[in-house]
Amino acid sequence: MHVRSARYPEDVGIINDLVGVATKFDGGTSPLGETSLHDLGRVPMVESFGILAADGELCGYVHAIPNGAVLSVELALAPNHRAGGCAKLLLGELAERSAARGFAEIGLWVHTDDVAELVSSMNGWELARSLVRMEMTLPPGGGAEFPSGTTVRGFRLGKDESAWLELNNEAFSGHLEQGGWSRRDLEQRFSYEWFDPLGLRMAWSNGELVAFNWTKLSSPRSGEIYVIASSPALQGKGLGKAIALDGLWDLYARRRVKTAALHVDMSNAPAIRLYEAIGFHPRETHRFYTRKLDTAPSDPPQPGGSRLNES
């Protein structure tokens, strides 16, 4: 088995084939999330990079996206190479290359139990977070009841970006993936095929954005709460439940979907209780592992070279 840097766009086809095989084997769970898949499809690649392992066939692939001094990574493994040394080989090579590039830490998302067991058995990797995917059948059992004076509507392109960014970054302050978004981060999502401004539900009070629920279609018959937040200063006012139900009703009544899903941190017990009360049930677990690297940069790596929603 040999390891080399992925070449873009030459290797995109075989990488997508590997992702497709792994997704089918894992019952529809993709080893690469939406951001990685979107990033993989961009040519030329800019800041991220990939490493693949092959032994006559493609055995595994890692996709890495810089996030300051942290490298955000996802791993795709062929089903018949999960019991071998492919994962250890790829992640070991990734650690060496990442340290040489000046990264201080790797953050690895793992989406299936068997791959999680592999990573847990390797030296240096620590489980940092777990997200639970929850699902429910639509329509929800109750209506959205907002505080008096609240108005709700969809997103207005060219007008609502600043308000959304302000609330998102306040609600997710310090969050690795969702916090600290720039206008560029937001506008990148506007280019995704599923983006629908009417599906980004926004609740306003006295001219101020107080909650939002960004929904999407994950298939023609299934929807998802992509990211949801309410103002930290207005906790306990029922905004979280109301905006959640508003988005679910929009998915059901306007977009005609029958099921909905979301992801929430397993440590967020109040949010899990809220979603269970609405009708969501746990379905699967996604885990985030970290590994500190021997070589830490004095400054975050700069862009250049070869080029994951929580509720």
C-alpha atoms as a PDB file:
ATOM      1  CA  MET A   1       0.000   0.000   0.000  1.00  0.00           C
ATOM      2  CA  HIS A   2       1.391   3.383  -0.950  1.00  0.00           C
ATOM      3  CA  VAL A   3       0.390   6.880   0.092  1.00  0.00           C
ATOM      4  CA  ARG A   4       0.554  10.051  -1.971  1.00  0.00           C
ATOM      5  CA  SER A   5      -0.969  13.512  -2.220  1.00  0.00           C
ATOM      6  CA  ALA A   6      -4.260  13.652  -4.055  1.00  0.00           C
ATOM      7  CA  ARG A   7      -4.123  15.327  -7.448  1.00  0.00           C
ATOM      8  CA  TYR A   8      -6.933  17.648  -8.474  1.00  0.00           C
ATOM      9  CA  PRO A   9      -8.903  17.352 -10.649  1.00  0.00           C
ATOM     10  CA  GLU A  10      -7.402  14.040 -11.812  1.00  0.00           C
ATOM     11  CA  ASP A  11      -8.299  12.053  -8.674  1.00  0.00           C
ATOM     12  CA  VAL A  12     -11.724  13.571  -7.991  1.00  0.00           C
ATOM     13  CA  GLY A  13     -13.508  10.786  -9.894  1.00  0.00           C
ATOM     14  CA  ILE A  14     -11.980   7.891  -7.969  1.00  0.00           C
ATOM     15  CA  ILE A  15     -12.397   9.737  -4.665  1.00  0.00           C
ATOM     16  CA  ASN A  16     -16.095  10.286  -5.376  1.00  0.00           C
ATOM     17  CA  ASP A  17     -16.401   6.587  -6.282  1.00  0.00           C
ATOM     18  CA  LEU A  18     -14.855   5.650  -2.925  1.00  0.00           C
ATOM     19  CA  VAL A  19     -17.218   8.000  -1.080  1.00  0.00           C
ATOM     20  CA  GLY A  20     -20.166   6.460  -2.933  1.00  0.00           C
ATOM     21  CA  VAL A  21     -19.180   2.901  -2.033  1.00  0.00           C
ATOM     22  CA  ALA A  22     -18.596   3.821   1.624  1.00  0.00           C
ATOM     23  CA  THR A  23     -21.894   5.715   1.810  1.00  0.00           C
ATOM     24  CA  LYS A  24     -23.836   2.731   0.452  1.00  0.00           C
ATOM     25  CA  PHE A  25     -22.040   0.348   2.826  1.00  0.00           C
ATOM     26  CA  ASP A  26     -22.848   2.600   5.793  1.00  0.00           C
ATOM     27  CA  GLY A  27     -26.559   2.815   5.040  1.00  0.00           C
ATOM     28  CA  GLY A  28     -26.514   6.279   3.502  1.00  0.00           C
ATOM     29  CA  THR A  29     -24.049   7.969   5.882  1.00  0.00           C
ATOM     30  CA  SER A  30     -21.341   9.727   3.878  1.00  0.00           C
ATOM     31  CA  PRO A  31     -17.747   9.694   5.215  1.00  0.00           C
ATOM     32  CA  LEU A  32     -17.298  13.244   3.909  1.00  0.00           C
ATOM     33  CA  GLY A  33     -19.630  16.014   5.007  1.00  0.00           C
ATOM     34  CA  GLU A  34     -21.169  18.664   2.818  1.00  0.00           C
ATOM     35  CA  THR A  35     -18.334  21.179   3.244  1.00  0.00           C
ATOM     36  CA  SER A  36     -15.662  18.642   2.264  1.00  0.00           C
ATOM     37  CA  LEU A  37     -17.660  17.411  -0.740  1.00  0.00           C
ATOM     38  CA  HIS A  38     -18.257  20.966  -1.925  1.00  0.00           C
ATOM     39  CA  ASP A  39     -14.600  21.802  -1.388  1.00  0.00           C
ATOM     40  CA  LEU A  40     -13.489  18.668  -3.251  1.00  0.00           C
ATOM     41  CA  GLY A  41     -15.523  19.709  -6.271  1.00  0.00           C
ATOM     42  CA  ARG A  42     -13.838  23.095  -6.586  1.00  0.00           C
ATOM     43  CA  VAL A  43     -11.121  23.303  -9.229  1.00  0.00           C
ATOM     44  CA  PRO A  44      -8.501  24.521  -8.709  1.00  0.00           C
ATOM     45  CA  MET A  45      -8.268  23.738  -5.021  1.00  0.00           C
ATOM     46  CA  VAL A  46      -7.015  26.682  -2.968  1.00  0.00           C
ATOM     47  CA  GLU A  47      -6.210  26.070   0.713  1.00  0.00           C
ATOM     48  CA  SER A  48      -7.179  22.473   1.433  1.00  0.00           C
ATOM     49  CA  PHE A  49      -5.486  19.239   0.454  1.00  0.00           C
ATOM     50  CA  GLY A  50      -5.998  15.505   0.428  1.00  0.00           C
ATOM     51  CA  ILE A  51      -3.954  12.341   0.887  1.00  0.00           C
ATOM     52  CA  LEU A  52      -4.900   8.954  -0.517  1.00  0.00           C
ATOM     53  CA  ALA A  53      -3.739   5.374   0.011  1.00  0.00           C
ATOM     54  CA  ALA A  54      -3.904   2.766  -2.741  1.00  0.00           C
ATOM     55  CA  ASP A  55      -3.091  -0.908  -3.138  1.00  0.00           C
ATOM     56  CA  GLY A  56      -4.211  -1.691  -6.648  1.00  0.00           C
ATOM     57  CA  GLU A  57      -7.420   0.114  -5.739  1.00  0.00           C
ATOM     58  CA  LEU A  58      -8.149   3.210  -3.695  1.00  0.00           C
ATOM     59  CA  CYS A  59      -8.192   2.109  -0.041  1.00  0.00           C
ATOM     60  CA  GLY A  60      -8.730   5.408   1.715  1.00  0.00           C
ATOM     61  CA  TYR A  61      -8.690   9.185   1.443  1.00  0.00           C
ATOM     62  CA  VAL A  62      -8.435  12.081   3.896  1.00  0.00           C
ATOM     63  CA  HIS A  63      -9.675  15.564   3.064  1.00  0.00           C
ATOM     64  CA  ALA A  64      -8.182  18.407   5.094  1.00  0.00           C
ATOM     65  CA  ILE A  65      -9.384  22.021   5.334  1.00  0.00           C
ATOM     66  CA  PRO A  66      -7.349  24.616   7.279  1.00  0.00           C
ATOM     67  CA  ASN A  67      -9.173  26.478  10.052  1.00  0.00           C
ATOM     68  CA  GLY A  68      -6.574  28.773  11.549  1.00  0.00           C
ATOM     69  CA  ALA A  69      -3.956  26.672  13.366  1.00  0.00           C
ATOM     70  CA  VAL A  70      -6.333  23.666  13.368  1.00  0.00           C
ATOM     71  CA  LEU A  71      -6.732  21.312  10.422  1.00  0.00           C
ATOM     72  CA  SER A  72     -10.307  20.016  10.004  1.00  0.00           C
ATOM     73  CA  VAL A  73     -10.234  16.521   8.519  1.00  0.00           C
ATOM     74  CA  GLU A  74     -12.586  13.773   7.337  1.00  0.00           C
ATOM     75  CA  LEU A  75     -11.635  10.205   6.458  1.00  0.00           C
ATOM     76  CA  ALA A  76     -13.135   7.921   3.807  1.00  0.00           C
ATOM     77  CA  LEU A  77     -12.227   4.223   3.938  1.00  0.00           C
ATOM     78  CA  ALA A  78     -13.134   1.420   1.550  1.00  0.00           C
ATOM     79  CA  PRO A  79     -15.286  -1.149   3.411  1.00  0.00           C
ATOM     80  CA  ASN A  80     -12.819  -3.978   2.712  1.00  0.00           C
ATOM     81  CA  HIS A  81      -9.872  -1.971   4.096  1.00  0.00           C
ATOM     82  CA  ARG A  82     -11.276  -0.947   7.471  1.00  0.00           C
ATOM     83  CA  ALA A  83      -9.785  -3.906   9.295  1.00  0.00           C
ATOM     84  CA  GLY A  84      -6.317  -3.292   7.846  1.00  0.00           C
ATOM     85  CA  GLY A  85      -3.784  -0.560   8.357  1.00  0.00           C
ATOM     86  CA  CYS A  86      -5.133   1.945   5.833  1.00  0.00           C
ATOM     87  CA  ALA A  87      -6.539   4.380   8.414  1.00  0.00           C
ATOM     88  CA  LYS A  88      -3.419   4.269  10.584  1.00  0.00           C
ATOM     89  CA  LEU A  89      -1.197   4.799   7.543  1.00  0.00           C
ATOM     90  CA  LEU A  90      -3.225   7.734   6.236  1.00  0.00           C
ATOM     91  CA  LEU A  91      -3.616   9.492   9.564  1.00  0.00           C
ATOM     92  CA  GLY A  92       0.054   8.985  10.427  1.00  0.00           C
ATOM     93  CA  GLU A  93       1.096  10.515   7.132  1.00  0.00           C
ATOM     94  CA  LEU A  94      -1.390  13.330   7.660  1.00  0.00           C
ATOM     95  CA  ALA A  95       0.106  14.116  11.077  1.00  0.00           C
ATOM     96  CA  GLU A  96       3.633  14.307   9.656  1.00  0.00           C
ATOM     97  CA  ARG A  97       2.645  16.514   6.744  1.00  0.00           C
ATOM     98  CA  SER A  98       0.463  18.740   8.898  1.00  0.00           C
ATOM     99  CA  ALA A  99       3.218  19.312  11.453  1.00  0.00           C
ATOM    100  CA  ALA A 100       5.623  20.155   8.618  1.00  0.00           C
ATOM    101  CA  ARG A 101       3.104  22.714   7.314  1.00  0.00           C
ATOM    102  CA  GLY A 102       2.993  24.359  10.749  1.00  0.00           C
ATOM    103  CA  PHE A 103      -0.366  23.176  12.072  1.00  0.00           C
ATOM    104  CA  ALA A 104      -0.745  22.804  15.826  1.00  0.00           C
ATOM    105  CA  GLU A 105      -3.674  20.392  15.907  1.00  0.00           C
ATOM    106  CA  ILE A 106      -5.813  18.104  13.777  1.00  0.00           C
ATOM    107  CA  GLY A 107      -9.568  17.821  14.281  1.00  0.00           C
ATOM    108  CA  LEU A 108     -11.074  14.675  12.731  1.00  0.00           C
ATOM    109  CA  TRP A 109     -14.790  14.064  12.178  1.00  0.00           C
ATOM    110  CA  VAL A 110     -15.803  10.389  12.095  1.00  0.00           C
ATOM    111  CA  HIS A 111     -19.339   9.457  11.072  1.00  0.00           C
ATOM    112  CA  THR A 112     -19.620   5.698  11.707  1.00  0.00           C
ATOM    113  CA  ASP A 113     -19.049   3.474  14.729  1.00  0.00           C
ATOM    114  CA  ASP A 114     -16.539   1.095  13.096  1.00  0.00           C
ATOM    115  CA  VAL A 115     -14.234   3.891  11.923  1.00  0.00           C
ATOM    116  CA  ALA A 116     -14.578   5.526  15.353  1.00  0.00           C
ATOM    117  CA  GLU A 117     -13.314   2.304  16.941  1.00  0.00           C
ATOM    118  CA  LEU A 118     -10.277   2.371  14.630  1.00  0.00           C
ATOM    119  CA  VAL A 119      -9.403   5.967  15.521  1.00  0.00           C
ATOM    120  CA  SER A 120      -9.963   5.355  19.237  1.00  0.00           C
ATOM    121  CA  SER A 121      -7.409   2.536  19.144  1.00  0.00           C
ATOM    122  CA  MET A 122      -4.651   4.779  17.733  1.00  0.00           C
ATOM    123  CA  ASN A 123      -2.192   6.649  19.925  1.00  0.00           C
ATOM    124  CA  GLY A 124      -2.549  10.412  20.106  1.00  0.00           C
ATOM    125  CA  TRP A 125      -6.231  10.754  19.208  1.00  0.00           C
ATOM    126  CA  GLU A 126      -8.660  12.012  21.868  1.00  0.00           C
ATOM    127  CA  LEU A 127     -12.436  12.101  21.646  1.00  0.00           C
ATOM    128  CA  ALA A 128     -13.408  15.769  22.028  1.00  0.00           C
ATOM    129  CA  ARG A 129     -17.067  15.954  21.028  1.00  0.00           C
ATOM    130  CA  SER A 130     -19.986  13.783  19.979  1.00  0.00           C
ATOM    131  CA  LEU A 131     -22.947  14.922  17.924  1.00  0.00           C
ATOM    132  CA  VAL A 132     -26.190  13.008  17.815  1.00  0.00           C
ATOM    133  CA  ARG A 133     -28.317  13.036  14.681  1.00  0.00           C
ATOM    134  CA  MET A 134     -31.997  13.223  15.565  1.00  0.00           C
ATOM    135  CA  GLU A 135     -34.925  12.579  13.231  1.00  0.00           C
ATOM    136  CA  MET A 136     -38.707  12.989  13.312  1.00  0.00           C
ATOM    137  CA  THR A 137     -41.767  12.493  11.143  1.00  0.00           C
ATOM    138  CA  LEU A 138     -43.607  15.593   9.945  1.00  0.00           C
ATOM    139  CA  PRO A 139     -45.863  17.435  10.582  1.00  0.00           C
ATOM    140  CA  PRO A 140     -44.893  18.434  14.127  1.00  0.00           C
ATOM    141  CA  GLY A 141     -47.507  18.070  16.824  1.00  0.00           C
ATOM    142  CA  GLY A 142     -47.851  21.741  17.724  1.00  0.00           C
ATOM    143  CA  GLY A 143     -47.727  25.226  16.259  1.00  0.00           C
ATOM    144  CA  ALA A 144     -45.062  27.907  16.597  1.00  0.00           C
ATOM    145  CA  GLU A 145     -45.976  30.316  19.413  1.00  0.00           C
ATOM    146  CA  PHE A 146     -43.748  33.410  19.446  1.00  0.00           C
ATOM    147  CA  PRO A 147     -43.678  36.196  22.039  1.00  0.00           C
ATOM    148  CA  SER A 148     -46.011  39.082  21.272  1.00  0.00           C
ATOM    149  CA  GLY A 149     -44.609  41.535  18.731  1.00  0.00           C
ATOM    150  CA  THR A 150     -42.403  38.970  16.941  1.00  0.00           C
ATOM    151  CA  THR A 151     -42.549  38.774  13.144  1.00  0.00           C
ATOM    152  CA  VAL A 152     -41.128  35.879  11.104  1.00  0.00           C
ATOM    153  CA  ARG A 153     -40.082  35.788   7.472  1.00  0.00           C
ATOM    154  CA  GLY A 154     -37.510  34.339   5.105  1.00  0.00           C
ATOM    155  CA  PHE A 155     -34.028  35.691   4.408  1.00  0.00           C
ATOM    156  CA  ARG A 156     -33.579  38.711   2.117  1.00  0.00           C
ATOM    157  CA  LEU A 157     -30.424  38.482   0.039  1.00  0.00           C
ATOM    158  CA  GLY A 158     -28.412  41.683   0.108  1.00  0.00           C
ATOM    159  CA  LYS A 159     -30.212  42.990   3.210  1.00  0.00           C
ATOM    160  CA  ASP A 160     -30.072  40.484   6.076  1.00  0.00           C
ATOM    161  CA  GLU A 161     -26.459  39.293   5.956  1.00  0.00           C
ATOM    162  CA  SER A 162     -25.101  41.596   8.666  1.00  0.00           C
ATOM    163  CA  ALA A 163     -27.927  40.866  11.111  1.00  0.00           C
ATOM    164  CA  TRP A 164     -27.592  37.117  10.583  1.00  0.00           C
ATOM    165  CA  LEU A 165     -23.819  37.166  11.052  1.00  0.00           C
ATOM    166  CA  GLU A 166     -24.087  39.221  14.235  1.00  0.00           C
ATOM    167  CA  LEU A 167     -26.551  36.817  15.874  1.00  0.00           C
ATOM    168  CA  ASN A 168     -24.834  33.673  14.602  1.00  0.00           C
ATOM    169  CA  ASN A 169     -21.429  34.737  15.880  1.00  0.00           C
ATOM    170  CA  GLU A 170     -22.871  35.831  19.228  1.00  0.00           C
ATOM    171  CA  ALA A 171     -24.806  32.583  19.704  1.00  0.00           C
ATOM    172  CA  PHE A 172     -21.867  30.401  18.639  1.00  0.00           C
ATOM    173  CA  SER A 173     -19.027  32.392  20.174  1.00  0.00           C
ATOM    174  CA  GLY A 174     -15.971  30.125  20.471  1.00  0.00           C
ATOM    175  CA  HIS A 175     -17.566  27.324  18.445  1.00  0.00           C
ATOM    176  CA  LEU A 176     -15.002  25.698  16.122  1.00  0.00           C
ATOM    177  CA  GLU A 177     -17.175  25.291  13.022  1.00  0.00           C
ATOM    178  CA  GLN A 178     -20.090  27.693  13.445  1.00  0.00           C
ATOM    179  CA  GLY A 179     -18.537  30.599  15.318  1.00  0.00           C
ATOM    180  CA  GLY A 180     -16.635  33.533  13.853  1.00  0.00           C
ATOM    181  CA  TRP A 181     -18.208  33.370  10.414  1.00  0.00           C
ATOM    182  CA  SER A 182     -17.345  36.047   7.875  1.00  0.00           C
ATOM    183  CA  ARG A 183     -19.558  37.332   5.091  1.00  0.00           C
ATOM    184  CA  ARG A 184     -17.517  35.145   2.736  1.00  0.00           C
ATOM    185  CA  ASP A 185     -18.378  32.049   4.819  1.00  0.00           C
ATOM    186  CA  LEU A 186     -22.071  32.933   4.629  1.00  0.00           C
ATOM    187  CA  GLU A 187     -22.076  33.708   0.921  1.00  0.00           C
ATOM    188  CA  GLN A 188     -20.305  30.431   0.181  1.00  0.00           C
ATOM    189  CA  ARG A 189     -23.418  28.635   1.498  1.00  0.00           C
ATOM    190  CA  PHE A 190     -25.566  30.686  -0.853  1.00  0.00           C
ATOM    191  CA  SER A 191     -23.829  28.874  -3.733  1.00  0.00           C
ATOM    192  CA  TYR A 192     -24.912  25.433  -2.496  1.00  0.00           C
ATOM    193  CA  GLU A 193     -27.588  23.750  -4.609  1.00  0.00           C
ATOM    194  CA  TRP A 194     -29.983  23.402  -1.696  1.00  0.00           C
ATOM    195  CA  PHE A 195     -29.913  27.039  -0.589  1.00  0.00           C
ATOM    196  CA  ASP A 196     -33.398  28.563  -0.435  1.00  0.00           C
ATOM    197  CA  PRO A 197     -33.671  32.039   1.151  1.00  0.00           C
ATOM    198  CA  LEU A 198     -37.265  31.343   2.212  1.00  0.00           C
ATOM    199  CA  GLY A 199     -35.973  28.337   4.157  1.00  0.00           C
ATOM    200  CA  LEU A 200     -33.776  30.547   6.329  1.00  0.00           C
ATOM    201  CA  ARG A 201     -36.498  31.543   8.787  1.00  0.00           C
ATOM    202  CA  MET A 202     -35.804  34.760  10.711  1.00  0.00           C
ATOM    203  CA  ALA A 203     -37.665  36.061  13.782  1.00  0.00           C
ATOM    204  CA  TRP A 204     -37.564  39.825  14.447  1.00  0.00           C
ATOM    205  CA  SER A 205     -38.600  41.938  17.429  1.00  0.00           C
ATOM    206  CA  ASN A 206     -38.398  45.743  17.466  1.00  0.00           C
ATOM    207  CA  GLY A 207     -36.252  45.666  14.338  1.00  0.00           C
ATOM    208  CA  GLU A 208     -33.732  43.236  15.862  1.00  0.00           C
ATOM    209  CA  LEU A 209     -33.068  39.680  14.739  1.00  0.00           C
ATOM    210  CA  VAL A 210     -33.760  37.501  17.787  1.00  0.00           C
ATOM    211  CA  ALA A 211     -33.770  33.964  16.330  1.00  0.00           C
ATOM    212  CA  PHE A 212     -33.277  32.058  13.095  1.00  0.00           C
ATOM    213  CA  ASN A 213     -33.767  28.532  11.782  1.00  0.00           C
ATOM    214  CA  TRP A 214     -31.877  27.707   8.591  1.00  0.00           C
ATOM    215  CA  THR A 215     -33.500  24.672   6.984  1.00  0.00           C
ATOM    216  CA  LYS A 216     -32.604  22.722   3.865  1.00  0.00           C
ATOM    217  CA  LEU A 217     -33.713  19.769   1.788  1.00  0.00           C
ATOM    218  CA  SER A 218     -31.408  16.759   2.150  1.00  0.00           C
ATOM    219  CA  SER A 219     -33.535  14.781  -0.359  1.00  0.00           C
ATOM    220  CA  PRO A 220     -36.853  15.403  -2.159  1.00  0.00           C
ATOM    221  CA  ARG A 221     -38.738  13.866   0.794  1.00  0.00           C
ATOM    222  CA  SER A 222     -36.519  14.803   3.725  1.00  0.00           C
ATOM    223  CA  GLY A 223     -35.528  18.109   5.300  1.00  0.00           C
ATOM    224  CA  GLU A 224     -33.001  19.214   7.872  1.00  0.00           C
ATOM    225  CA  ILE A 225     -32.401  21.980  10.381  1.00  0.00           C
ATOM    226  CA  TYR A 226     -28.993  23.119   9.157  1.00  0.00           C
ATOM    227  CA  VAL A 227     -28.285  25.625  11.935  1.00  0.00           C
ATOM    228  CA  ILE A 228     -30.584  27.206  14.509  1.00  0.00           C
ATOM    229  CA  ALA A 229     -30.015  29.878  17.158  1.00  0.00           C
ATOM    230  CA  SER A 230     -31.767  32.406  19.353  1.00  0.00           C
ATOM    231  CA  SER A 231     -30.432  35.481  21.101  1.00  0.00           C
ATOM    232  CA  PRO A 232     -28.442  34.533  24.241  1.00  0.00           C
ATOM    233  CA  ALA A 233     -29.969  37.585  25.955  1.00  0.00           C
ATOM    234  CA  LEU A 234     -33.492  36.210  25.439  1.00  0.00           C
ATOM    235  CA  GLN A 235     -33.076  32.669  26.753  1.00  0.00           C
ATOM    236  CA  GLY A 236     -36.158  31.297  28.478  1.00  0.00           C
ATOM    237  CA  LYS A 237     -38.610  33.264  26.303  1.00  0.00           C
ATOM    238  CA  GLY A 238     -39.623  30.263  24.188  1.00  0.00           C
ATOM    239  CA  LEU A 239     -37.884  31.516  21.054  1.00  0.00           C
ATOM    240  CA  GLY A 240     -35.893  28.309  20.527  1.00  0.00           C
ATOM    241  CA  LYS A 241     -38.958  26.084  20.442  1.00  0.00           C
ATOM    242  CA  ALA A 242     -40.977  28.555  18.389  1.00  0.00           C
ATOM    243  CA  ILE A 243     -38.363  29.073  15.662  1.00  0.00           C
ATOM    244  CA  ALA A 244     -37.709  25.306  15.521  1.00  0.00           C
ATOM    245  CA  LEU A 245     -41.417  24.607  14.939  1.00  0.00           C
ATOM    246  CA  ASP A 246     -41.711  27.450  12.441  1.00  0.00           C
ATOM    247  CA  GLY A 247     -38.968  25.926  10.293  1.00  0.00           C
ATOM    248  CA  LEU A 248     -40.427  22.424  10.572  1.00  0.00           C
ATOM    249  CA  TRP A 249     -43.854  23.648   9.487  1.00  0.00           C
ATOM    250  CA  ASP A 250     -42.250  25.463   6.544  1.00  0.00           C
ATOM    251  CA  LEU A 251     -40.527  22.225   5.508  1.00  0.00           C
ATOM    252  CA  TYR A 252     -43.804  20.329   5.728  1.00  0.00           C
ATOM    253  CA  ALA A 253     -46.307  22.824   4.309  1.00  0.00           C
ATOM    254  CA  ARG A 254     -44.242  24.660   1.697  1.00  0.00           C
ATOM    255  CA  ARG A 255     -41.600  22.116   0.737  1.00  0.00           C
ATOM    256  CA  ARG A 256     -43.756  18.996   1.170  1.00  0.00           C
ATOM    257  CA  VAL A 257     -41.258  16.819   3.040  1.00  0.00           C
ATOM    258  CA  LYS A 258     -42.220  13.973   5.370  1.00  0.00           C
ATOM    259  CA  THR A 259     -39.215  13.715   7.711  1.00  0.00           C
ATOM    260  CA  ALA A 260     -36.764  16.134   9.300  1.00  0.00           C
ATOM    261  CA  ALA A 261     -33.371  15.784  10.979  1.00  0.00           C
ATOM    262  CA  LEU A 262     -30.859  17.843  12.931  1.00  0.00           C
ATOM    263  CA  HIS A 263     -27.520  17.447  14.715  1.00  0.00           C
ATOM    264  CA  VAL A 264     -26.929  18.492  18.309  1.00  0.00           C
ATOM    265  CA  ASP A 265     -23.989  18.160  20.689  1.00  0.00           C
ATOM    266  CA  MET A 266     -24.551  15.271  23.101  1.00  0.00           C
ATOM    267  CA  SER A 267     -23.380  17.495  25.955  1.00  0.00           C
ATOM    268  CA  ASN A 268     -26.225  19.960  25.295  1.00  0.00           C
ATOM    269  CA  ALA A 269     -28.853  18.263  27.453  1.00  0.00           C
ATOM    270  CA  PRO A 270     -31.368  21.180  27.415  1.00  0.00           C
ATOM    271  CA  ALA A 271     -31.392  21.247  23.598  1.00  0.00           C
ATOM    272  CA  ILE A 272     -31.823  17.468  23.394  1.00  0.00           C
ATOM    273  CA  ARG A 273     -34.763  17.638  25.817  1.00  0.00           C
ATOM    274  CA  LEU A 274     -36.336  20.408  23.735  1.00  0.00           C
ATOM    275  CA  TYR A 275     -35.996  18.458  20.492  1.00  0.00           C
ATOM    276  CA  GLU A 276     -37.326  15.282  22.080  1.00  0.00           C
ATOM    277  CA  ALA A 277     -40.348  17.237  23.310  1.00  0.00           C
ATOM    278  CA  ILE A 278     -40.958  18.458  19.754  1.00  0.00           C
ATOM    279  CA  GLY A 279     -40.808  14.866  18.457  1.00  0.00           C
ATOM    280  CA  PHE A 280     -37.188  14.155  17.462  1.00  0.00           C
ATOM    281  CA  HIS A 281     -35.535  10.826  18.290  1.00  0.00           C
ATOM    282  CA  PRO A 282     -31.792   9.917  18.289  1.00  0.00           C
ATOM    283  CA  ARG A 283     -30.645   8.108  15.154  1.00  0.00           C
ATOM    284  CA  GLU A 284     -26.822   8.040  14.920  1.00  0.00           C
ATOM    285  CA  THR A 285     -23.675   9.511  16.483  1.00  0.00           C
ATOM    286  CA  HIS A 286     -20.883  11.537  14.848  1.00  0.00           C
ATOM    287  CA  ARG A 287     -17.605  11.916  16.758  1.00  0.00           C
ATOM    288  CA  PHE A 288     -14.885  14.561  16.698  1.00  0.00           C
ATOM    289  CA  TYR A 289     -11.322  13.515  17.599  1.00  0.00           C
ATOM    290  CA  THR A 290      -8.339  15.801  18.124  1.00  0.00           C
ATOM    291  CA  ARG A 291      -4.611  15.212  17.944  1.00  0.00           C
ATOM    292  CA  LYS A 292      -1.973  17.659  19.086  1.00  0.00           C
ATOM    293  CA  LEU A 293       1.035  17.916  16.785  1.00  0.00           C
ATOM    294  CA  ASP A 294       4.668  18.128  17.774  1.00  0.00           C
ATOM    295  CA  THR A 295       5.361  21.232  15.740  1.00  0.00           C
ATOM    296  CA  ALA A 296       3.194  24.220  16.678  1.00  0.00           C
ATOM    297  CA  PRO A 297       3.259  27.362  14.527  1.00  0.00           C
ATOM    298  CA  SER A 298       4.078  30.800  15.866  1.00  0.00           C
ATOM    299  CA  ASP A 299       1.430  32.163  13.475  1.00  0.00           C
ATOM    300  CA  PRO A 300      -1.475  30.364  11.749  1.00  0.00           C
ATOM    301  CA  PRO A 301      -0.555  28.865   8.355  1.00  0.00           C
ATOM    302  CA  GLN A 302      -1.242  31.176   5.445  1.00  0.00           C
ATOM    303  CA  PRO A 303      -3.442  30.251   2.475  1.00  0.00           C
ATOM    304  CA  GLY A 304      -1.664  28.704  -0.461  1.00  0.00           C
ATOM    305  CA  GLY A 305      -0.247  25.423  -1.617  1.00  0.00           C
ATOM    306  CA  SER A 306      -2.149  22.547  -3.122  1.00  0.00           C
ATOM    307  CA  ARG A 307      -5.346  23.204  -1.810  1.00  0.00           C
ATOM    308  CA  LEU A 308     -18.730  20.528   9.424  1.00  0.00           C
ATOM    309  CA  ASN A 309     -24.794  22.208  11.875  1.00  0.00           C
ATOM    310  CA  GLU A 310     -25.048  22.104  15.222  1.00  0.00           C
ATOM    311  CA  SER A 311     -28.192  23.231  16.922  1.00  0.00           C
END
